[in-house]
């Protein structure tokens, strides 16, 4: 087995996790990851080493996921009770102020570079209700436009913003509890 093939096999589970989270369909996720790995194998010289191999492959995977989403636009995405649960009352007073202000998370650029943080973020995104998780990933990771996300999820723009708001609040809570409370703040 060549060095490139070994590297691709090492990164495959991470790519598959991202694809499954976004697509919520194992077969589609497998297809997108397979297409990503095939693209990397077909043009090994395209990787110029300016980024980490995982970052390079995720860039390819993003395009493959968008292709999969467009290919399967008519598949239904079902909302769950968790997607409509309003958690604002737990976090904010009736005047709109934080009940308990968020703690200082330190220098975001330093934190984002830490692999453990990215693993914690990945875990937290995986815990989001299905539609919230898809909406968040489509917006923040795949960088799709509002109209395209609304069409794919069959929601209105207002509903999308509510889903994104709730997803961000849940991610904040999850990261606060699982990452920032246990790590020293770095400025």
N, C-alpha and C. Protein backbone atom coordinates (compact mmCIF):
# COMPACT_ATOMS: atom_id res chain seq x y z
N UNK A 1 0.85 -1.17 0.00
CA UNK A 1 0.00 0.00 0.00
C UNK A 1 0.90 1.24 0.00
N UNK A 2 0.59 2.21 -0.82
CA UNK A 2 1.41 3.41 -0.91
C UNK A 2 1.15 4.33 0.28
N UNK A 3 2.03 5.28 0.46
CA UNK A 3 1.90 6.24 1.57
C UNK A 3 0.61 7.05 1.44
N UNK A 4 0.27 7.45 0.20
CA UNK A 4 -0.95 8.22 -0.03
C UNK A 4 -2.18 7.38 0.33
N UNK A 5 -2.20 6.13 -0.09
CA UNK A 5 -3.33 5.27 0.21
C UNK A 5 -3.49 5.07 1.71
N UNK A 6 -2.38 4.89 2.42
CA UNK A 6 -2.44 4.74 3.87
C UNK A 6 -2.98 6.00 4.54
N UNK A 7 -2.54 7.16 4.06
CA UNK A 7 -3.02 8.43 4.60
C UNK A 7 -4.53 8.58 4.38
N UNK A 8 -4.98 8.24 3.18
CA UNK A 8 -6.41 8.35 2.86
C UNK A 8 -7.24 7.41 3.75
N UNK A 9 -6.74 6.22 3.98
CA UNK A 9 -7.46 5.27 4.86
C UNK A 9 -7.51 5.78 6.29
N UNK A 10 -6.46 6.46 6.73
CA UNK A 10 -6.43 7.03 8.08
C UNK A 10 -7.46 8.15 8.22
N UNK A 11 -7.61 8.96 7.19
CA UNK A 11 -8.51 10.11 7.24
C UNK A 11 -9.96 9.76 6.90
N UNK A 12 -10.18 8.60 6.31
CA UNK A 12 -11.51 8.20 5.86
C UNK A 12 -12.57 8.25 6.97
N UNK A 13 -12.32 7.71 8.19
CA UNK A 13 -13.36 7.77 9.23
C UNK A 13 -13.79 9.19 9.57
N UNK A 14 -12.85 10.11 9.61
CA UNK A 14 -13.18 11.51 9.91
C UNK A 14 -14.07 12.10 8.81
N UNK A 15 -13.71 11.83 7.56
CA UNK A 15 -14.51 12.32 6.44
C UNK A 15 -15.90 11.72 6.47
N UNK A 16 -15.97 10.44 6.77
CA UNK A 16 -17.27 9.76 6.81
C UNK A 16 -18.15 10.31 7.92
N UNK A 17 -17.56 10.64 9.06
CA UNK A 17 -18.31 11.23 10.17
C UNK A 17 -18.95 12.55 9.74
N UNK A 18 -18.16 13.41 9.09
CA UNK A 18 -18.68 14.69 8.61
C UNK A 18 -19.79 14.48 7.58
N UNK A 19 -19.56 13.57 6.66
CA UNK A 19 -20.55 13.34 5.60
C UNK A 19 -21.85 12.79 6.18
N UNK A 20 -21.76 11.86 7.13
CA UNK A 20 -22.97 11.30 7.73
C UNK A 20 -23.74 12.35 8.51
N UNK A 21 -23.03 13.20 9.21
CA UNK A 21 -23.68 14.26 9.98
C UNK A 21 -24.46 15.19 9.05
N UNK A 22 -23.88 15.52 7.93
CA UNK A 22 -24.53 16.46 7.02
C UNK A 22 -25.65 15.80 6.22
N UNK A 23 -25.40 14.63 5.71
CA UNK A 23 -26.35 14.01 4.78
C UNK A 23 -27.42 13.17 5.48
N UNK A 24 -27.13 12.67 6.67
CA UNK A 24 -28.06 11.83 7.43
C UNK A 24 -28.51 10.62 6.61
N UNK A 25 -27.62 10.13 5.78
CA UNK A 25 -27.90 8.97 4.95
C UNK A 25 -26.57 8.26 4.73
N UNK A 26 -26.44 7.06 5.26
CA UNK A 26 -25.17 6.34 5.19
C UNK A 26 -24.71 6.09 3.76
N UNK A 27 -25.63 5.71 2.88
CA UNK A 27 -25.24 5.41 1.49
C UNK A 27 -24.73 6.67 0.79
N UNK A 28 -25.42 7.78 0.97
CA UNK A 28 -24.97 9.02 0.35
C UNK A 28 -23.63 9.47 0.90
N UNK A 29 -23.47 9.30 2.22
CA UNK A 29 -22.21 9.68 2.86
C UNK A 29 -21.06 8.83 2.32
N UNK A 30 -21.29 7.54 2.21
CA UNK A 30 -20.26 6.64 1.64
C UNK A 30 -19.91 7.06 0.22
N UNK A 31 -20.93 7.40 -0.57
CA UNK A 31 -20.69 7.83 -1.95
C UNK A 31 -19.84 9.10 -1.98
N UNK A 32 -20.20 10.07 -1.15
CA UNK A 32 -19.47 11.35 -1.15
C UNK A 32 -18.01 11.15 -0.72
N UNK A 33 -17.79 10.33 0.29
CA UNK A 33 -16.42 10.07 0.75
C UNK A 33 -15.64 9.29 -0.30
N UNK A 34 -16.28 8.31 -0.90
CA UNK A 34 -15.61 7.54 -1.96
C UNK A 34 -15.21 8.44 -3.13
N UNK A 35 -16.12 9.33 -3.52
CA UNK A 35 -15.80 10.27 -4.60
C UNK A 35 -14.65 11.20 -4.21
N UNK A 36 -14.61 11.59 -2.95
CA UNK A 36 -13.53 12.45 -2.44
C UNK A 36 -12.19 11.73 -2.52
N UNK A 37 -12.15 10.52 -2.02
CA UNK A 37 -10.91 9.75 -2.02
C UNK A 37 -10.47 9.42 -3.44
N UNK A 38 -11.42 9.11 -4.29
CA UNK A 38 -11.09 8.83 -5.70
C UNK A 38 -10.50 10.07 -6.37
N UNK A 39 -11.08 11.23 -6.09
CA UNK A 39 -10.55 12.48 -6.66
C UNK A 39 -9.12 12.71 -6.20
N UNK A 40 -8.83 12.42 -4.94
CA UNK A 40 -7.47 12.59 -4.41
C UNK A 40 -6.50 11.60 -5.05
N UNK A 41 -6.96 10.37 -5.27
CA UNK A 41 -6.11 9.36 -5.88
C UNK A 41 -5.86 9.62 -7.37
N UNK A 42 -6.89 10.14 -8.05
CA UNK A 42 -6.75 10.40 -9.48
C UNK A 42 -5.78 11.53 -9.78
N UNK A 43 -5.70 12.51 -8.87
CA UNK A 43 -4.81 13.66 -9.08
C UNK A 43 -3.95 13.88 -7.85
N UNK A 44 -3.01 12.97 -7.58
CA UNK A 44 -2.20 13.10 -6.37
C UNK A 44 -1.33 14.36 -6.36
N UNK A 45 -0.99 14.87 -7.52
CA UNK A 45 -0.14 16.08 -7.59
C UNK A 45 -0.93 17.36 -7.33
N UNK A 46 -2.26 17.27 -7.26
CA UNK A 46 -3.07 18.46 -7.00
C UNK A 46 -2.86 18.96 -5.57
N UNK A 47 -2.50 18.06 -4.67
CA UNK A 47 -2.22 18.46 -3.29
C UNK A 47 -0.82 19.05 -3.25
N UNK A 48 -0.76 20.35 -2.99
CA UNK A 48 0.52 21.07 -3.04
C UNK A 48 1.17 21.20 -1.67
N UNK A 49 0.53 20.69 -0.64
CA UNK A 49 1.13 20.73 0.69
C UNK A 49 0.99 22.06 1.41
N UNK A 50 0.18 22.97 0.89
CA UNK A 50 -0.02 24.26 1.57
C UNK A 50 -0.94 24.14 2.77
N UNK A 51 -1.68 23.06 2.85
CA UNK A 51 -2.58 22.81 3.98
C UNK A 51 -2.32 21.39 4.47
N UNK A 52 -2.93 21.06 5.60
CA UNK A 52 -2.84 19.69 6.10
C UNK A 52 -3.63 18.79 5.14
N UNK A 53 -3.24 17.54 4.99
CA UNK A 53 -3.98 16.63 4.10
C UNK A 53 -5.46 16.53 4.46
N UNK A 54 -5.77 16.50 5.76
CA UNK A 54 -7.18 16.42 6.17
C UNK A 54 -7.97 17.64 5.73
N UNK A 55 -7.38 18.82 5.84
CA UNK A 55 -8.03 20.06 5.42
C UNK A 55 -8.26 20.04 3.91
N UNK A 56 -7.28 19.57 3.18
CA UNK A 56 -7.38 19.47 1.72
C UNK A 56 -8.53 18.54 1.33
N UNK A 57 -8.60 17.38 1.98
CA UNK A 57 -9.66 16.42 1.66
C UNK A 57 -11.03 16.93 2.06
N UNK A 58 -11.12 17.65 3.17
CA UNK A 58 -12.40 18.21 3.58
C UNK A 58 -12.87 19.24 2.55
N UNK A 59 -11.94 19.98 1.98
CA UNK A 59 -12.30 20.92 0.91
C UNK A 59 -12.94 20.21 -0.27
N UNK A 60 -12.38 19.08 -0.64
CA UNK A 60 -12.96 18.28 -1.73
C UNK A 60 -14.32 17.74 -1.30
N UNK A 61 -14.37 17.21 -0.06
CA UNK A 61 -15.60 16.61 0.45
C UNK A 61 -16.75 17.62 0.47
N UNK A 62 -16.47 18.87 0.81
CA UNK A 62 -17.53 19.88 0.84
C UNK A 62 -18.24 19.96 -0.51
N UNK A 63 -17.47 19.93 -1.57
CA UNK A 63 -18.07 20.00 -2.91
C UNK A 63 -18.86 18.72 -3.22
N UNK A 64 -18.37 17.60 -2.79
CA UNK A 64 -19.06 16.33 -3.02
C UNK A 64 -20.37 16.28 -2.22
N UNK A 65 -20.38 16.84 -1.01
CA UNK A 65 -21.60 16.88 -0.22
C UNK A 65 -22.66 17.77 -0.86
N UNK A 66 -22.22 18.92 -1.37
CA UNK A 66 -23.16 19.80 -2.06
C UNK A 66 -23.74 19.08 -3.27
N UNK A 67 -22.90 18.36 -4.00
CA UNK A 67 -23.39 17.58 -5.15
C UNK A 67 -24.43 16.56 -4.71
N UNK A 68 -24.15 15.85 -3.61
CA UNK A 68 -25.11 14.86 -3.10
C UNK A 68 -26.43 15.53 -2.71
N UNK A 69 -26.34 16.65 -2.01
CA UNK A 69 -27.56 17.35 -1.60
C UNK A 69 -28.38 17.77 -2.81
N UNK A 70 -27.72 18.28 -3.81
CA UNK A 70 -28.45 18.71 -5.02
C UNK A 70 -29.05 17.52 -5.76
N UNK A 71 -28.34 16.41 -5.75
CA UNK A 71 -28.81 15.20 -6.42
C UNK A 71 -30.07 14.65 -5.75
N UNK A 72 -30.17 14.83 -4.45
CA UNK A 72 -31.25 14.22 -3.69
C UNK A 72 -32.15 15.27 -3.04
N UNK A 73 -32.42 16.35 -3.74
CA UNK A 73 -33.17 17.47 -3.15
C UNK A 73 -34.59 17.10 -2.73
N UNK A 74 -35.15 16.10 -3.28
CA UNK A 74 -36.54 15.78 -2.95
C UNK A 74 -36.68 14.84 -1.77
N UNK A 75 -35.57 14.36 -1.21
CA UNK A 75 -35.66 13.50 -0.03
C UNK A 75 -36.17 14.33 1.14
N UNK A 76 -37.05 13.77 1.92
CA UNK A 76 -37.65 14.51 3.04
C UNK A 76 -36.70 14.55 4.24
N UNK A 77 -36.68 15.68 4.90
CA UNK A 77 -35.98 15.83 6.17
C UNK A 77 -37.05 16.08 7.22
N UNK A 78 -37.15 15.18 8.18
CA UNK A 78 -38.20 15.29 9.18
C UNK A 78 -37.70 16.00 10.42
N UNK A 79 -38.48 16.95 10.87
CA UNK A 79 -38.14 17.66 12.10
C UNK A 79 -38.55 16.81 13.29
N UNK A 80 -37.80 16.93 14.38
CA UNK A 80 -38.13 16.22 15.61
C UNK A 80 -38.57 17.24 16.64
N UNK A 81 -39.06 16.77 17.77
CA UNK A 81 -39.50 17.68 18.84
C UNK A 81 -38.35 18.54 19.32
N UNK A 82 -37.11 17.99 19.33
CA UNK A 82 -35.95 18.76 19.77
C UNK A 82 -35.69 19.97 18.88
N UNK A 83 -36.03 19.87 17.59
CA UNK A 83 -35.79 20.98 16.68
C UNK A 83 -36.65 22.19 17.00
N UNK A 84 -37.81 21.98 17.60
CA UNK A 84 -38.70 23.10 17.88
C UNK A 84 -38.66 23.54 19.34
N UNK A 85 -37.87 22.86 20.16
CA UNK A 85 -37.77 23.22 21.57
C UNK A 85 -37.08 24.57 21.72
N UNK A 86 -37.72 25.49 22.41
CA UNK A 86 -37.17 26.82 22.60
C UNK A 86 -36.37 26.84 23.89
N UNK A 87 -35.06 27.05 23.79
CA UNK A 87 -34.21 27.07 24.98
C UNK A 87 -33.83 28.49 25.38
N UNK A 88 -34.36 29.50 24.67
CA UNK A 88 -34.04 30.89 25.00
C UNK A 88 -34.40 31.24 26.44
N UNK A 89 -35.55 30.76 26.93
CA UNK A 89 -35.99 31.11 28.28
C UNK A 89 -35.01 30.63 29.34
N UNK A 90 -34.31 29.54 29.05
CA UNK A 90 -33.32 29.03 30.01
C UNK A 90 -32.08 29.92 30.06
N UNK A 91 -31.80 30.63 28.97
CA UNK A 91 -30.56 31.39 28.87
C UNK A 91 -30.74 32.89 29.08
N UNK A 92 -31.94 33.43 28.76
CA UNK A 92 -32.14 34.87 28.79
C UNK A 92 -33.30 35.25 29.71
N UNK A 93 -33.21 36.46 30.28
CA UNK A 93 -34.32 37.00 31.07
C UNK A 93 -35.38 37.51 30.12
N UNK A 94 -36.52 37.89 30.65
CA UNK A 94 -37.59 38.43 29.80
C UNK A 94 -37.18 39.73 29.12
N UNK A 95 -36.16 40.42 29.68
CA UNK A 95 -35.65 41.65 29.08
C UNK A 95 -34.60 41.38 27.99
N UNK A 96 -34.26 40.11 27.81
CA UNK A 96 -33.30 39.76 26.76
C UNK A 96 -31.84 39.74 27.22
N UNK A 97 -31.60 39.81 28.52
CA UNK A 97 -30.23 39.77 29.04
C UNK A 97 -29.87 38.33 29.42
N UNK A 98 -28.57 38.03 29.38
CA UNK A 98 -28.11 36.71 29.78
C UNK A 98 -28.47 36.46 31.24
N UNK A 99 -29.01 35.29 31.55
CA UNK A 99 -29.22 34.90 32.94
C UNK A 99 -27.85 34.71 33.60
N UNK A 100 -26.97 34.04 32.90
CA UNK A 100 -25.59 33.85 33.36
C UNK A 100 -24.69 34.14 32.16
N UNK A 101 -23.97 35.25 32.19
CA UNK A 101 -23.15 35.61 31.02
C UNK A 101 -22.15 34.51 30.68
N UNK A 102 -21.88 34.33 29.40
CA UNK A 102 -20.89 33.33 29.00
C UNK A 102 -19.52 33.68 29.59
N UNK A 103 -18.75 32.66 29.91
CA UNK A 103 -17.40 32.91 30.40
C UNK A 103 -16.51 33.28 29.23
N UNK A 104 -15.41 33.91 29.55
CA UNK A 104 -14.45 34.30 28.52
C UNK A 104 -13.81 33.05 27.93
N UNK A 105 -13.91 32.91 26.61
CA UNK A 105 -13.37 31.74 25.94
C UNK A 105 -11.94 31.96 25.48
N UNK A 106 -11.36 33.08 25.81
CA UNK A 106 -9.97 33.33 25.44
C UNK A 106 -9.82 33.73 23.98
N UNK A 107 -8.65 33.55 23.47
CA UNK A 107 -8.33 33.91 22.09
C UNK A 107 -8.86 32.85 21.13
N UNK A 108 -9.89 33.18 20.33
CA UNK A 108 -10.50 32.17 19.46
C UNK A 108 -9.53 31.59 18.44
N UNK A 109 -8.61 32.39 17.93
CA UNK A 109 -7.67 31.86 16.94
C UNK A 109 -6.78 30.78 17.53
N UNK A 110 -6.37 30.96 18.78
CA UNK A 110 -5.55 29.96 19.45
C UNK A 110 -6.35 28.68 19.67
N UNK A 111 -7.59 28.83 20.12
CA UNK A 111 -8.42 27.68 20.45
C UNK A 111 -8.77 26.87 19.20
N UNK A 112 -9.11 27.56 18.13
CA UNK A 112 -9.52 26.86 16.91
C UNK A 112 -8.40 26.00 16.36
N UNK A 113 -7.17 26.39 16.61
CA UNK A 113 -6.04 25.62 16.12
C UNK A 113 -5.85 24.32 16.89
N UNK A 114 -6.49 24.19 17.99
CA UNK A 114 -6.30 23.01 18.80
C UNK A 114 -7.19 21.85 18.31
N UNK A 115 -6.56 20.76 18.01
CA UNK A 115 -7.27 19.59 17.48
C UNK A 115 -8.36 19.12 18.44
N UNK A 116 -8.09 19.16 19.74
CA UNK A 116 -9.07 18.70 20.71
C UNK A 116 -10.33 19.54 20.66
N UNK A 117 -10.16 20.84 20.42
CA UNK A 117 -11.33 21.70 20.32
C UNK A 117 -12.19 21.27 19.13
N UNK A 118 -11.55 21.00 18.01
CA UNK A 118 -12.30 20.60 16.82
C UNK A 118 -13.02 19.28 17.06
N UNK A 119 -12.40 18.38 17.82
CA UNK A 119 -13.06 17.13 18.15
C UNK A 119 -14.26 17.38 19.07
N UNK A 120 -14.12 18.31 20.02
CA UNK A 120 -15.23 18.65 20.91
C UNK A 120 -16.37 19.30 20.11
N UNK A 121 -16.01 20.18 19.19
CA UNK A 121 -17.02 20.82 18.34
C UNK A 121 -17.74 19.77 17.50
N UNK A 122 -16.99 18.84 16.94
CA UNK A 122 -17.58 17.77 16.14
C UNK A 122 -18.57 16.97 16.97
N UNK A 123 -18.19 16.64 18.19
CA UNK A 123 -19.06 15.90 19.09
C UNK A 123 -20.33 16.70 19.40
N UNK A 124 -20.18 17.98 19.66
CA UNK A 124 -21.33 18.83 19.98
C UNK A 124 -22.27 18.97 18.80
N UNK A 125 -21.73 19.13 17.61
CA UNK A 125 -22.58 19.22 16.41
C UNK A 125 -23.34 17.92 16.22
N UNK A 126 -22.69 16.80 16.51
CA UNK A 126 -23.35 15.50 16.40
C UNK A 126 -24.50 15.32 17.38
N UNK A 127 -24.51 16.09 18.46
CA UNK A 127 -25.58 16.00 19.47
C UNK A 127 -26.76 16.91 19.17
N UNK A 128 -26.64 17.75 18.17
CA UNK A 128 -27.75 18.64 17.81
C UNK A 128 -28.91 17.82 17.26
N UNK A 129 -30.15 18.31 17.44
CA UNK A 129 -31.27 17.66 16.78
C UNK A 129 -31.01 17.61 15.27
N UNK A 130 -31.53 16.61 14.58
CA UNK A 130 -31.17 16.39 13.17
C UNK A 130 -31.30 17.61 12.25
N UNK A 131 -32.43 18.28 12.27
CA UNK A 131 -32.61 19.40 11.34
C UNK A 131 -31.72 20.58 11.74
N UNK A 132 -31.58 20.82 13.03
CA UNK A 132 -30.68 21.89 13.48
C UNK A 132 -29.25 21.60 13.05
N UNK A 133 -28.82 20.36 13.22
CA UNK A 133 -27.47 19.97 12.83
C UNK A 133 -27.24 20.15 11.34
N UNK A 134 -28.19 19.73 10.55
CA UNK A 134 -28.05 19.89 9.09
C UNK A 134 -28.03 21.36 8.71
N UNK A 135 -28.95 22.14 9.29
CA UNK A 135 -29.00 23.57 8.97
C UNK A 135 -27.68 24.25 9.32
N UNK A 136 -27.16 23.96 10.51
CA UNK A 136 -25.90 24.56 10.95
C UNK A 136 -24.75 24.17 10.02
N UNK A 137 -24.64 22.89 9.72
CA UNK A 137 -23.55 22.43 8.85
C UNK A 137 -23.67 22.99 7.44
N UNK A 138 -24.89 23.06 6.93
CA UNK A 138 -25.08 23.60 5.58
C UNK A 138 -24.66 25.07 5.52
N UNK A 139 -24.99 25.80 6.58
CA UNK A 139 -24.69 27.23 6.61
C UNK A 139 -23.21 27.49 6.91
N UNK A 140 -22.71 26.90 7.98
CA UNK A 140 -21.38 27.24 8.46
C UNK A 140 -20.26 26.42 7.83
N UNK A 141 -20.54 25.18 7.46
CA UNK A 141 -19.47 24.34 6.94
C UNK A 141 -19.49 24.28 5.43
N UNK A 142 -20.69 24.06 4.87
CA UNK A 142 -20.80 24.01 3.41
C UNK A 142 -20.97 25.39 2.80
N UNK A 143 -21.27 26.38 3.63
CA UNK A 143 -21.41 27.77 3.22
C UNK A 143 -22.47 27.96 2.13
N UNK A 144 -23.57 27.22 2.26
CA UNK A 144 -24.66 27.35 1.30
C UNK A 144 -25.46 28.61 1.60
N UNK A 145 -26.10 29.13 0.59
CA UNK A 145 -26.94 30.32 0.73
C UNK A 145 -28.26 29.96 1.39
N UNK A 146 -28.90 30.96 1.99
CA UNK A 146 -30.16 30.77 2.69
C UNK A 146 -31.20 30.10 1.80
N UNK A 147 -31.37 30.58 0.59
CA UNK A 147 -32.41 30.04 -0.30
C UNK A 147 -32.17 28.55 -0.57
N UNK A 148 -30.93 28.17 -0.76
CA UNK A 148 -30.62 26.77 -1.05
C UNK A 148 -30.88 25.88 0.17
N UNK A 149 -30.53 26.37 1.35
CA UNK A 149 -30.77 25.61 2.58
C UNK A 149 -32.27 25.47 2.82
N UNK A 150 -33.00 26.57 2.63
CA UNK A 150 -34.46 26.54 2.83
C UNK A 150 -35.11 25.54 1.88
N UNK A 151 -34.65 25.52 0.65
CA UNK A 151 -35.20 24.59 -0.33
C UNK A 151 -34.91 23.16 0.08
N UNK A 152 -33.68 22.88 0.48
CA UNK A 152 -33.27 21.52 0.86
C UNK A 152 -34.02 21.03 2.09
N UNK A 153 -34.18 21.91 3.09
CA UNK A 153 -34.83 21.50 4.34
C UNK A 153 -36.33 21.74 4.34
N UNK A 154 -36.83 22.36 3.28
CA UNK A 154 -38.26 22.68 3.16
C UNK A 154 -38.73 23.53 4.34
N UNK A 155 -37.98 24.61 4.61
CA UNK A 155 -38.34 25.54 5.67
C UNK A 155 -38.33 26.96 5.10
N UNK A 156 -38.98 27.87 5.82
CA UNK A 156 -38.96 29.27 5.43
C UNK A 156 -37.66 29.91 5.93
N UNK A 157 -37.28 31.06 5.37
CA UNK A 157 -36.08 31.74 5.88
C UNK A 157 -36.18 32.05 7.38
N UNK A 158 -37.36 32.45 7.84
CA UNK A 158 -37.54 32.74 9.26
C UNK A 158 -37.30 31.48 10.09
N UNK A 159 -37.87 30.36 9.65
CA UNK A 159 -37.67 29.10 10.36
C UNK A 159 -36.19 28.71 10.35
N UNK A 160 -35.51 28.94 9.24
CA UNK A 160 -34.08 28.63 9.17
C UNK A 160 -33.30 29.43 10.20
N UNK A 161 -33.59 30.72 10.31
CA UNK A 161 -32.86 31.54 11.28
C UNK A 161 -33.13 31.08 12.71
N UNK A 162 -34.36 30.63 12.97
CA UNK A 162 -34.67 30.10 14.29
C UNK A 162 -33.87 28.81 14.53
N UNK A 163 -33.83 27.93 13.54
CA UNK A 163 -33.05 26.68 13.66
C UNK A 163 -31.58 26.99 13.91
N UNK A 164 -31.02 27.96 13.18
CA UNK A 164 -29.62 28.32 13.34
C UNK A 164 -29.36 28.93 14.72
N UNK A 165 -30.28 29.78 15.15
CA UNK A 165 -30.16 30.40 16.47
C UNK A 165 -30.14 29.33 17.56
N UNK A 166 -31.07 28.41 17.48
CA UNK A 166 -31.14 27.35 18.48
C UNK A 166 -29.91 26.44 18.42
N UNK A 167 -29.46 26.15 17.22
CA UNK A 167 -28.26 25.31 17.07
C UNK A 167 -27.05 25.99 17.70
N UNK A 168 -26.90 27.28 17.47
CA UNK A 168 -25.76 28.01 18.03
C UNK A 168 -25.83 28.06 19.56
N UNK A 169 -27.04 28.24 20.10
CA UNK A 169 -27.19 28.24 21.56
C UNK A 169 -26.83 26.87 22.15
N UNK A 170 -27.29 25.81 21.50
CA UNK A 170 -26.97 24.46 21.99
C UNK A 170 -25.47 24.19 21.88
N UNK A 171 -24.87 24.64 20.78
CA UNK A 171 -23.42 24.44 20.62
C UNK A 171 -22.67 25.21 21.70
N UNK A 172 -23.12 26.43 21.99
CA UNK A 172 -22.48 27.22 23.03
C UNK A 172 -22.53 26.48 24.36
N UNK A 173 -23.70 25.97 24.72
CA UNK A 173 -23.84 25.24 25.98
C UNK A 173 -22.97 23.99 26.00
N UNK A 174 -22.98 23.25 24.93
CA UNK A 174 -22.21 22.01 24.86
C UNK A 174 -20.71 22.31 24.96
N UNK A 175 -20.24 23.31 24.20
CA UNK A 175 -18.82 23.65 24.25
C UNK A 175 -18.44 24.23 25.61
N UNK A 176 -19.34 24.99 26.19
CA UNK A 176 -19.06 25.55 27.51
C UNK A 176 -18.86 24.43 28.53
N UNK A 177 -19.77 23.48 28.51
CA UNK A 177 -19.72 22.38 29.49
C UNK A 177 -18.60 21.39 29.17
N UNK A 178 -18.39 21.10 27.90
CA UNK A 178 -17.46 20.04 27.55
C UNK A 178 -16.07 20.49 27.19
N UNK A 179 -15.86 21.78 27.00
CA UNK A 179 -14.54 22.22 26.58
C UNK A 179 -14.02 23.38 27.42
N UNK A 180 -14.71 24.50 27.38
CA UNK A 180 -14.18 25.72 27.97
C UNK A 180 -14.12 25.69 29.49
N UNK A 181 -15.07 25.03 30.14
CA UNK A 181 -15.02 24.96 31.60
C UNK A 181 -13.85 24.12 32.10
N UNK A 182 -13.38 23.21 31.24
CA UNK A 182 -12.29 22.34 31.65
C UNK A 182 -10.93 22.75 31.14
N UNK A 183 -10.83 23.85 30.39
CA UNK A 183 -9.55 24.28 29.83
C UNK A 183 -9.27 25.71 30.24
N UNK A 184 -8.03 26.01 30.55
CA UNK A 184 -7.69 27.37 30.93
C UNK A 184 -7.86 28.33 29.75
N UNK A 185 -8.31 29.51 30.05
CA UNK A 185 -8.46 30.56 29.04
C UNK A 185 -7.09 31.06 28.63
N UNK A 186 -6.88 31.18 27.31
CA UNK A 186 -5.60 31.67 26.80
C UNK A 186 -5.86 32.96 26.02
N UNK A 187 -5.19 34.00 26.36
CA UNK A 187 -5.40 35.30 25.70
C UNK A 187 -4.23 35.62 24.82
